[in-house]
PDB file of N, CA and C in Angstrom:
ATOM      1  N   MET A   1       7.989  -3.903  12.688  1.00  0.00           N
ATOM      2  CA  MET A   1       8.917  -4.807  11.733  1.00  0.00           C
ATOM      3  C   MET A   1      10.524  -4.665  12.097  1.00  0.00           C
ATOM      4  N   ARG A   2      10.843  -5.683  12.081  1.00  0.00           N
ATOM      5  CA  ARG A   2      12.557  -5.807  12.286  1.00  0.00           C
ATOM      6  C   ARG A   2      13.186  -6.050  11.326  1.00  0.00           C
ATOM      7  N   LEU A   3      14.193  -5.117  10.879  1.00  0.00           N
ATOM      8  CA  LEU A   3      15.205  -5.249   9.644  1.00  0.00           C
ATOM      9  C   LEU A   3      16.431  -5.108   9.962  1.00  0.00           C
ATOM     10  N   GLU A   4      17.520  -5.426   9.339  1.00  0.00           N
ATOM     11  CA  GLU A   4      18.915  -5.579   9.540  1.00  0.00           C
ATOM     12  C   GLU A   4      19.162  -4.425   8.841  1.00  0.00           C
ATOM     13  N   LYS A   5      20.103  -3.561   9.678  1.00  0.00           N
ATOM     14  CA  LYS A   5      20.051  -1.817   9.423  1.00  0.00           C
ATOM     15  C   LYS A   5      20.602  -1.600   7.995  1.00  0.00           C
ATOM     16  N   ARG A   6      21.434  -2.714   7.633  1.00  0.00           N
ATOM     17  CA  ARG A   6      22.025  -2.453   5.978  1.00  0.00           C
ATOM     18  C   ARG A   6      20.816  -2.589   4.974  1.00  0.00           C
ATOM     19  N   LEU A   7      19.927  -3.722   4.981  1.00  0.00           N
ATOM     20  CA  LEU A   7      18.906  -4.032   4.339  1.00  0.00           C
ATOM     21  C   LEU A   7      18.105  -2.733   4.421  1.00  0.00           C
ATOM     22  N   GLU A   8      17.858  -2.126   5.706  1.00  0.00           N
ATOM     23  CA  GLU A   8      16.613  -1.012   5.928  1.00  0.00           C
ATOM     24  C   GLU A   8      17.402   0.060   4.957  1.00  0.00           C
ATOM     25  N   ALA A   9      19.026   0.438   4.947  1.00  0.00           N
ATOM     26  CA  ALA A   9      19.392   1.763   4.222  1.00  0.00           C
ATOM     27  C   ALA A   9      19.107   1.265   2.709  1.00  0.00           C
ATOM     28  N   LEU A  10      19.099   0.060   2.329  1.00  0.00           N
ATOM     29  CA  LEU A  10      19.389  -0.256   0.868  1.00  0.00           C
ATOM     30  C   LEU A  10      17.701   0.099   0.592  1.00  0.00           C
ATOM     31  N   LEU A  11      16.631  -0.512   1.224  1.00  0.00           N
ATOM     32  CA  LEU A  11      15.239  -0.166   1.060  1.00  0.00           C
ATOM     33  C   LEU A  11      14.649   1.218   0.805  1.00  0.00           C
ATOM     34  N   HIS A  12      15.498   2.067   1.972  1.00  0.00           N
ATOM     35  CA  HIS A  12      15.283   3.377   1.831  1.00  0.00           C
ATOM     36  C   HIS A  12      15.729   4.220   0.463  1.00  0.00           C
ATOM     37  N   ASP A  13      16.621   3.567   0.038  1.00  0.00           N
ATOM     38  CA  ASP A  13      17.127   4.101  -1.211  1.00  0.00           C
ATOM     39  C   ASP A  13      16.430   3.591  -2.260  1.00  0.00           C
ATOM     40  N   LEU A  14      15.959   2.422  -2.373  1.00  0.00           N
ATOM     41  CA  LEU A  14      15.236   1.926  -3.411  1.00  0.00           C
ATOM     42  C   LEU A  14      13.982   2.500  -3.391  1.00  0.00           C
ATOM     43  N   ALA A  15      13.019   2.911  -2.220  1.00  0.00           N
ATOM     44  CA  ALA A  15      11.981   3.711  -2.293  1.00  0.00           C
ATOM     45  C   ALA A  15      12.219   5.159  -2.900  1.00  0.00           C
ATOM     46  N   GLU A  16      13.101   5.620  -2.329  1.00  0.00           N
ATOM     47  CA  GLU A  16      13.564   6.964  -3.117  1.00  0.00           C
ATOM     48  C   GLU A  16      13.638   7.049  -4.361  1.00  0.00           C
ATOM     49  N   HIS A  17      14.408   6.013  -4.968  1.00  0.00           N
ATOM     50  CA  HIS A  17      14.790   5.707  -6.478  1.00  0.00           C
ATOM     51  C   HIS A  17      13.491   5.451  -7.282  1.00  0.00           C
ATOM     52  N   ASN A  18      12.456   4.701  -6.820  1.00  0.00           N
ATOM     53  CA  ASN A  18      11.206   4.534  -7.379  1.00  0.00           C
ATOM     54  C   ASN A  18      10.099   5.506  -7.057  1.00  0.00           C
ATOM     55  N   HIS A  19      10.826   6.680  -6.420  1.00  0.00           N
ATOM     56  CA  HIS A  19       9.804   7.710  -5.991  1.00  0.00           C
ATOM     57  C   HIS A  19       8.452   7.368  -5.521  1.00  0.00           C
ATOM     58  N   VAL A  20       8.505   6.480  -4.171  1.00  0.00           N
ATOM     59  CA  VAL A  20       7.586   5.749  -3.553  1.00  0.00           C
ATOM     60  C   VAL A  20       8.027   5.726  -2.030  1.00  0.00           C
ATOM     61  N   SER A  21       6.929   5.674  -1.284  1.00  0.00           N
ATOM     62  CA  SER A  21       7.266   5.559   0.195  1.00  0.00           C
ATOM     63  C   SER A  21       7.551   4.167   0.766  1.00  0.00           C
ATOM     64  N   LEU A  22       8.075   3.977   1.569  1.00  0.00           N
ATOM     65  CA  LEU A  22       8.817   2.560   2.186  1.00  0.00           C
ATOM     66  C   LEU A  22       7.560   1.778   2.133  1.00  0.00           C
ATOM     67  N   THR A  23       6.618   2.443   2.696  1.00  0.00           N
ATOM     68  CA  THR A  23       5.482   1.684   2.906  1.00  0.00           C
ATOM     69  C   THR A  23       4.773   0.950   1.760  1.00  0.00           C
ATOM     70  N   SER A  24       4.756   1.871   0.790  1.00  0.00           N
ATOM     71  CA  SER A  24       4.386   1.428  -0.554  1.00  0.00           C
ATOM     72  C   SER A  24       5.338   0.506  -1.373  1.00  0.00           C
ATOM     73  N   LEU A  25       6.509   0.561  -1.034  1.00  0.00           N
ATOM     74  CA  LEU A  25       7.550  -0.493  -1.480  1.00  0.00           C
ATOM     75  C   LEU A  25       7.308  -1.729  -0.951  1.00  0.00           C
ATOM     76  N   PHE A  26       6.925  -1.838   0.512  1.00  0.00           N
ATOM     77  CA  PHE A  26       7.076  -3.161   0.930  1.00  0.00           C
ATOM     78  C   PHE A  26       5.417  -3.782   0.716  1.00  0.00           C
ATOM     79  N   GLU A  27       4.495  -2.920   0.446  1.00  0.00           N
ATOM     80  CA  GLU A  27       3.047  -3.516  -0.237  1.00  0.00           C
ATOM     81  C   GLU A  27       3.403  -4.057  -1.455  1.00  0.00           C
ATOM     82  N   GLU A  28       4.242  -3.301  -2.605  1.00  0.00           N
ATOM     83  CA  GLU A  28       4.062  -3.747  -4.005  1.00  0.00           C
ATOM     84  C   GLU A  28       4.758  -5.109  -3.440  1.00  0.00           C
ATOM     85  N   THR A  29       5.945  -4.975  -2.935  1.00  0.00           N
ATOM     86  CA  THR A  29       6.716  -6.356  -3.006  1.00  0.00           C
ATOM     87  C   THR A  29       5.887  -7.545  -2.661  1.00  0.00           C
ATOM     88  N   PHE A  30       5.439  -7.366  -1.312  1.00  0.00           N
ATOM     89  CA  PHE A  30       4.381  -8.257  -0.707  1.00  0.00           C
ATOM     90  C   PHE A  30       3.043  -8.791  -1.502  1.00  0.00           C
ATOM     91  N   LEU A  31       2.703  -8.169  -2.301  1.00  0.00           N
ATOM     92  CA  LEU A  31       1.646  -8.355  -3.194  1.00  0.00           C
ATOM     93  C   LEU A  31       2.333  -9.259  -4.572  1.00  0.00           C
ATOM     94  N   HIS A  32       3.279  -8.503  -4.722  1.00  0.00           N
ATOM     95  CA  HIS A  32       3.796  -9.494  -5.938  1.00  0.00           C
ATOM     96  C   HIS A  32       4.422 -10.742  -5.236  1.00  0.00           C
ATOM     97  N   THR A  33       5.155 -10.832  -4.467  1.00  0.00           N
ATOM     98  CA  THR A  33       5.372 -12.191  -3.705  1.00  0.00           C
ATOM     99  C   THR A  33       4.248 -13.197  -3.592  1.00  0.00           C
ATOM    100  N   LEU A  34       3.098 -12.483  -3.196  1.00  0.00           N
ATOM    101  CA  LEU A  34       1.776 -13.316  -3.047  1.00  0.00           C
ATOM    102  C   LEU A  34       1.435 -13.918  -4.383  1.00  0.00           C
ATOM    103  N   ASP A  35       1.749 -13.222  -5.198  1.00  0.00           N
ATOM    104  CA  ASP A  35       1.117 -13.723  -6.613  1.00  0.00           C
ATOM    105  C   ASP A  35       2.461 -14.886  -7.362  1.00  0.00           C
ATOM    106  N   GLY A  36       3.430 -14.787  -6.536  1.00  0.00           N
ATOM    107  CA  GLY A  36       4.331 -15.583  -6.902  1.00  0.00           C
ATOM    108  C   GLY A  36       5.358 -15.320  -8.089  1.00  0.00           C
ATOM    109  N   VAL A  37       5.374 -14.024  -8.385  1.00  0.00           N
ATOM    110  CA  VAL A  37       6.317 -13.412  -9.247  1.00  0.00           C
ATOM    111  C   VAL A  37       7.039 -12.192  -8.513  1.00  0.00           C
ATOM    112  N   GLY A  38       8.170 -12.141  -8.966  1.00  0.00           N
ATOM    113  CA  GLY A  38       8.941 -10.904  -8.667  1.00  0.00           C
ATOM    114  C   GLY A  38       8.501  -9.653  -8.932  1.00  0.00           C
ATOM    115  N   PRO A  39       8.888  -8.663  -7.982  1.00  0.00           N
ATOM    116  CA  PRO A  39       8.295  -7.055  -8.086  1.00  0.00           C
ATOM    117  C   PRO A  39       9.008  -6.117  -9.040  1.00  0.00           C
ATOM    118  N   HIS A  40      10.290  -6.743  -9.350  1.00  0.00           N
ATOM    119  CA  HIS A  40      11.437  -6.085  -9.821  1.00  0.00           C
ATOM    120  C   HIS A  40      11.888  -6.127 -11.196  1.00  0.00           C
ATOM    121  N   THR A  41      11.844  -4.949 -11.971  1.00  0.00           N
ATOM    122  CA  THR A  41      12.373  -5.226 -13.643  1.00  0.00           C
ATOM    123  C   THR A  41      14.018  -5.646 -13.570  1.00  0.00           C
ATOM    124  N   LYS A  42      14.334  -6.311 -14.650  1.00  0.00           N
ATOM    125  CA  LYS A  42      16.024  -6.197 -14.885  1.00  0.00           C
ATOM    126  C   LYS A  42      16.677  -5.189 -14.441  1.00  0.00           C
ATOM    127  N   SER A  43      16.225  -4.042 -15.008  1.00  0.00           N
ATOM    128  CA  SER A  43      16.824  -2.746 -14.179  1.00  0.00           C
ATOM    129  C   SER A  43      16.708  -2.596 -13.381  1.00  0.00           C
ATOM    130  N   THR A  44      15.748  -2.745 -12.707  1.00  0.00           N
ATOM    131  CA  THR A  44      15.865  -2.271 -10.910  1.00  0.00           C
ATOM    132  C   THR A  44      16.565  -3.488 -10.302  1.00  0.00           C
ATOM    133  N   LEU A  45      16.686  -4.615 -10.620  1.00  0.00           N
ATOM    134  CA  LEU A  45      17.655  -5.539 -10.107  1.00  0.00           C
ATOM    135  C   LEU A  45      19.246  -5.229 -10.086  1.00  0.00           C
ATOM    136  N   ARG A  46      19.603  -4.705 -11.301  1.00  0.00           N
ATOM    137  CA  ARG A  46      20.618  -4.108 -11.710  1.00  0.00           C
ATOM    138  C   ARG A  46      21.160  -3.200 -10.405  1.00  0.00           C
ATOM    139  N   TYR A  47      20.184  -2.054 -10.490  1.00  0.00           N
ATOM    140  CA  TYR A  47      20.054  -1.006  -9.486  1.00  0.00           C
ATOM    141  C   TYR A  47      20.572  -1.691  -8.040  1.00  0.00           C
ATOM    142  N   ILE A  48      19.452  -2.384  -7.497  1.00  0.00           N
ATOM    143  CA  ILE A  48      19.504  -3.181  -6.390  1.00  0.00           C
ATOM    144  C   ILE A  48      20.963  -3.722  -6.029  1.00  0.00           C
ATOM    145  N   GLU A  49      21.608  -4.270  -7.190  1.00  0.00           N
ATOM    146  CA  GLU A  49      23.134  -4.806  -6.789  1.00  0.00           C
ATOM    147  C   GLU A  49      23.747  -3.712  -6.690  1.00  0.00           C
ATOM    148  N   LYS A  50      23.946  -2.611  -7.185  1.00  0.00           N
ATOM    149  CA  LYS A  50      24.813  -1.505  -6.721  1.00  0.00           C
ATOM    150  C   LYS A  50      24.465  -1.065  -5.423  1.00  0.00           C
ATOM    151  N   LEU A  51      23.080  -1.052  -5.000  1.00  0.00           N
ATOM    152  CA  LEU A  51      22.713  -0.544  -3.553  1.00  0.00           C
ATOM    153  C   LEU A  51      23.377  -1.841  -2.819  1.00  0.00           C
ATOM    154  N   LYS A  52      23.400  -2.880  -3.051  1.00  0.00           N
ATOM    155  CA  LYS A  52      24.100  -4.067  -2.072  1.00  0.00           C
ATOM    156  C   LYS A  52      25.423  -3.771  -1.947  1.00  0.00           C
ATOM    157  N   GLU A  53      26.232  -3.198  -3.043  1.00  0.00           N
ATOM    158  CA  GLU A  53      27.635  -2.941  -3.059  1.00  0.00           C
ATOM    159  C   GLU A  53      27.676  -1.675  -1.921  1.00  0.00           C
ATOM    160  N   LYS A  54      27.189  -0.639  -2.182  1.00  0.00           N
ATOM    161  CA  LYS A  54      27.062   0.338  -1.850  1.00  0.00           C
ATOM    162  C   LYS A  54      27.111   0.283   0.060  1.00  0.00           C
ATOM    163  N   HIS A  55      26.089  -0.565   0.376  1.00  0.00           N
ATOM    164  CA  HIS A  55      25.534  -0.667   1.916  1.00  0.00           C
ATOM    165  C   HIS A  55      26.238  -2.264   2.334  1.00  0.00           C
ATOM    166  N   GLY A  56      27.051  -2.420   1.722  1.00  0.00           N
ATOM    167  CA  GLY A  56      28.063  -3.588   2.186  1.00  0.00           C
ATOM    168  C   GLY A  56      26.926  -5.082   2.458  1.00  0.00           C
ATOM    169  N   ILE A  57      26.011  -5.275   1.822  1.00  0.00           N
ATOM    170  CA  ILE A  57      25.290  -6.445   2.334  1.00  0.00           C
ATOM    171  C   ILE A  57      25.653  -7.816   1.438  1.00  0.00           C
ATOM    172  N   ASP A  58      26.111  -8.565   2.424  1.00  0.00           N
ATOM    173  CA  ASP A  58      27.078  -9.514   1.754  1.00  0.00           C
ATOM    174  C   ASP A  58      26.512 -11.072   2.170  1.00  0.00           C
ATOM    175  N   TYR A  59      24.835 -10.832   2.145  1.00  0.00           N
ATOM    176  CA  TYR A  59      24.248 -12.113   2.642  1.00  0.00           C
ATOM    177  C   TYR A  59      23.170 -12.232   1.492  1.00  0.00           C
ATOM    178  N   ASP A  60      22.426 -13.293   1.068  1.00  0.00           N
ATOM    179  CA  ASP A  60      21.586 -14.118   0.397  1.00  0.00           C
ATOM    180  C   ASP A  60      20.101 -13.607   1.210  1.00  0.00           C
ATOM    181  N   SER A  61      19.195 -14.307   0.543  1.00  0.00           N
ATOM    182  CA  SER A  61      17.580 -14.398   0.867  1.00  0.00           C
ATOM    183  C   SER A  61      17.463 -15.439   2.321  1.00  0.00           C
ATOM    184  N   HIS A  62      18.717 -16.018   2.490  1.00  0.00           N
ATOM    185  CA  HIS A  62      18.471 -17.062   3.828  1.00  0.00           C
ATOM    186  C   HIS A  62      19.227 -16.315   4.850  1.00  0.00           C
ATOM    187  N   GLY A  63      20.220 -15.030   4.573  1.00  0.00           N
ATOM    188  CA  GLY A  63      20.904 -14.241   5.752  1.00  0.00           C
ATOM    189  C   GLY A  63      19.975 -14.238   7.106  1.00  0.00           C
ATOM    190  N   SER A  64      18.484 -13.970   6.734  1.00  0.00           N
ATOM    191  CA  SER A  64      18.154 -13.504   8.289  1.00  0.00           C
ATOM    192  C   SER A  64      17.959 -14.575   9.086  1.00  0.00           C
ATOM    193  N   TYR A  65      18.482 -16.159   8.579  1.00  0.00           N
ATOM    194  CA  TYR A  65      18.483 -17.245   9.394  1.00  0.00           C
ATOM    195  C   TYR A  65      19.771 -16.707  10.459  1.00  0.00           C
ATOM    196  N   ARG A  66      20.744 -16.209  10.023  1.00  0.00           N
ATOM    197  CA  ARG A  66      22.143 -16.037  10.803  1.00  0.00           C
ATOM    198  C   ARG A  66      21.967 -14.577  11.385  1.00  0.00           C
ATOM    199  N   PHE A  67      21.115 -13.907  11.439  1.00  0.00           N
ATOM    200  CA  PHE A  67      21.248 -12.594  12.230  1.00  0.00           C
ATOM    201  C   PHE A  67      20.825 -13.024  13.984  1.00  0.00           C
ATOM    202  N   LEU A  68      21.453 -12.046  14.166  1.00  0.00           N
ATOM    203  CA  LEU A  68      21.674 -12.200  15.769  1.00  0.00           C
ATOM    204  C   LEU A  68      20.769 -10.689  16.467  1.00  0.00           C
ATOM    205  N   GLU A  69      19.674 -10.927  17.257  1.00  0.00           N
ATOM    206  CA  GLU A  69      19.127  -9.660  17.663  1.00  0.00           C
ATOM    207  C   GLU A  69      20.079  -9.205  18.890  1.00  0.00           C
ATOM    208  N   GLN A  70      20.015  -7.930  18.962  1.00  0.00           N
ATOM    209  CA  GLN A  70      21.210  -7.022  20.000  1.00  0.00           C
ATOM    210  C   GLN A  70      20.010  -6.291  20.731  1.00  0.00           C
TER     211      GLN A  70
END
């Protein structure tokens, strides 16, 4: 799986915060998405905003269209 490095760092921090493996975090996120609902509580979304600032994530959900392979 290809991930932008700042996003990867955020996901590692989020998995650690939730006391789950990165694989479990992906699985939960994908399963919720397939059900058409978000996997995160309001509290977790606030924490994610802090992680975005920490890791300098300045793109939104459409950011992957602008990423360049190196």
